[in-house]
Amino acid sequence: MQAALAPFGIAAPRDSDLQRDTLGIDLPPGAALSRNDLIFFPGHVGLMADADRIIHATGSAGAVVVEPLADVLARLATAAGPVEMRAKRLSL
């Protein structure tokens, strides 16, 4: 995420927990998501491509992918139970 935001003049910390704590404005749980919203999971961050799809690096694919956020949540829940997700809106 740090490298993706740099061309837009947004300085981001290296680690996802620090990015979560310093970037953007918190969205309330259940808020509609839109392009450029940041989605945080424990130890992970992705960027919404639109209201339904997330761009993120995933170990399961070994690459940066675009996939439905619902699929990511389902996969994470299967592996670890309910997943804590936090959404933040960037000012670009």
Protein backbone atom coordinates (compact mmCIF):
# COMPACT_ATOMS: atom_id res chain seq x y z
CA MET A 1 0.00 0.00 0.00
CA GLN A 2 2.89 2.31 0.76
CA ALA A 3 4.16 2.09 -2.84
CA ALA A 4 0.65 2.47 -4.30
CA LEU A 5 -0.07 5.69 -2.38
CA ALA A 6 3.33 7.37 -2.87
CA PRO A 7 2.65 8.61 -6.47
CA PHE A 8 -0.38 10.49 -5.10
CA GLY A 9 1.73 12.31 -2.53
CA ILE A 10 0.34 10.26 0.36
CA ALA A 11 3.05 9.20 2.77
CA ALA A 12 2.11 5.90 4.37
CA PRO A 13 3.88 3.96 7.09
CA ARG A 14 5.33 0.61 6.08
CA ASP A 15 3.22 -1.68 8.29
CA SER A 16 -0.52 -2.23 7.86
CA ASP A 17 -1.30 -1.65 11.56
CA LEU A 18 0.39 1.77 11.39
CA GLN A 19 -1.41 2.53 8.12
CA ARG A 20 -4.71 1.62 9.81
CA ASP A 21 -3.96 3.98 12.68
CA THR A 22 -2.80 6.97 10.59
CA LEU A 23 -4.46 6.96 7.16
CA GLY A 24 -7.95 8.08 6.22
CA ILE A 25 -11.19 8.50 8.14
CA ASP A 26 -12.95 5.56 9.81
CA LEU A 27 -16.14 4.35 8.15
CA PRO A 28 -18.87 3.02 10.41
CA PRO A 29 -19.50 -0.75 10.31
CA GLY A 30 -21.80 -1.60 7.42
CA ALA A 31 -21.12 1.65 5.54
CA ALA A 32 -21.24 1.48 1.75
CA LEU A 33 -17.76 1.03 0.35
CA SER A 34 -16.41 2.83 -2.68
CA ARG A 35 -13.33 3.04 -4.87
CA ASN A 36 -10.12 3.88 -2.97
CA ASP A 37 -11.44 2.90 0.46
CA LEU A 38 -8.83 1.05 2.50
CA ILE A 39 -9.86 -2.26 4.04
CA PHE A 40 -7.87 -3.55 6.99
CA PHE A 41 -7.75 -7.05 8.44
CA PRO A 42 -5.29 -8.13 11.13
CA GLY A 43 -1.88 -7.83 9.48
CA HIS A 44 -3.30 -7.02 6.03
CA VAL A 45 -4.59 -4.11 3.95
CA GLY A 46 -6.29 -3.81 0.57
CA LEU A 47 -7.73 -1.07 -1.61
CA MET A 48 -11.28 -1.17 -2.93
CA ALA A 49 -11.45 -1.13 -6.74
CA ASP A 50 -15.16 -0.35 -6.54
CA ALA A 51 -18.03 -1.04 -4.13
CA ASP A 52 -17.54 -4.82 -4.27
CA ARG A 53 -13.97 -5.71 -5.31
CA ILE A 54 -10.70 -5.38 -3.42
CA ILE A 55 -7.14 -5.13 -4.78
CA HIS A 56 -4.67 -6.82 -2.47
CA ALA A 57 -1.62 -9.04 -2.29
CA THR A 58 -2.64 -12.50 -1.19
CA GLY A 59 -0.59 -15.47 -0.16
CA SER A 60 -3.26 -17.85 -1.45
CA ALA A 61 -2.63 -16.64 -5.02
CA GLY A 62 0.97 -15.51 -4.51
CA ALA A 63 0.22 -12.27 -6.34
CA VAL A 64 -1.68 -9.00 -6.29
CA VAL A 65 -5.26 -9.79 -7.28
CA VAL A 66 -8.63 -8.12 -7.73
CA GLU A 67 -11.43 -10.19 -6.26
CA PRO A 68 -14.81 -9.75 -4.58
CA LEU A 69 -14.43 -8.61 -0.97
CA ALA A 70 -17.13 -11.14 -0.04
CA ASP A 71 -14.86 -13.95 -1.30
CA VAL A 72 -11.95 -12.68 0.80
CA LEU A 73 -14.12 -12.46 3.91
CA ALA A 74 -15.49 -15.97 3.34
CA ARG A 75 -11.99 -17.41 2.83
CA LEU A 76 -10.64 -15.72 5.96
CA ALA A 77 -13.63 -16.80 8.05
CA THR A 78 -13.13 -20.41 6.95
CA ALA A 79 -9.49 -20.29 8.05
CA ALA A 80 -9.83 -18.35 11.30
CA GLY A 81 -13.48 -17.83 12.21
CA PRO A 82 -15.10 -14.37 12.22
CA VAL A 83 -12.78 -11.72 10.82
CA GLU A 84 -12.37 -8.20 12.17
CA MET A 85 -12.52 -5.76 9.25
CA ARG A 86 -12.04 -2.01 9.43
CA ALA A 87 -12.73 0.37 6.54
CA LYS A 88 -11.26 3.84 6.11
CA ARG A 89 -11.84 6.50 3.46
CA LEU A 90 -8.90 8.34 1.95
CA SER A 91 -9.03 11.96 0.88
CA LEU A 92 -7.49 11.94 -2.58
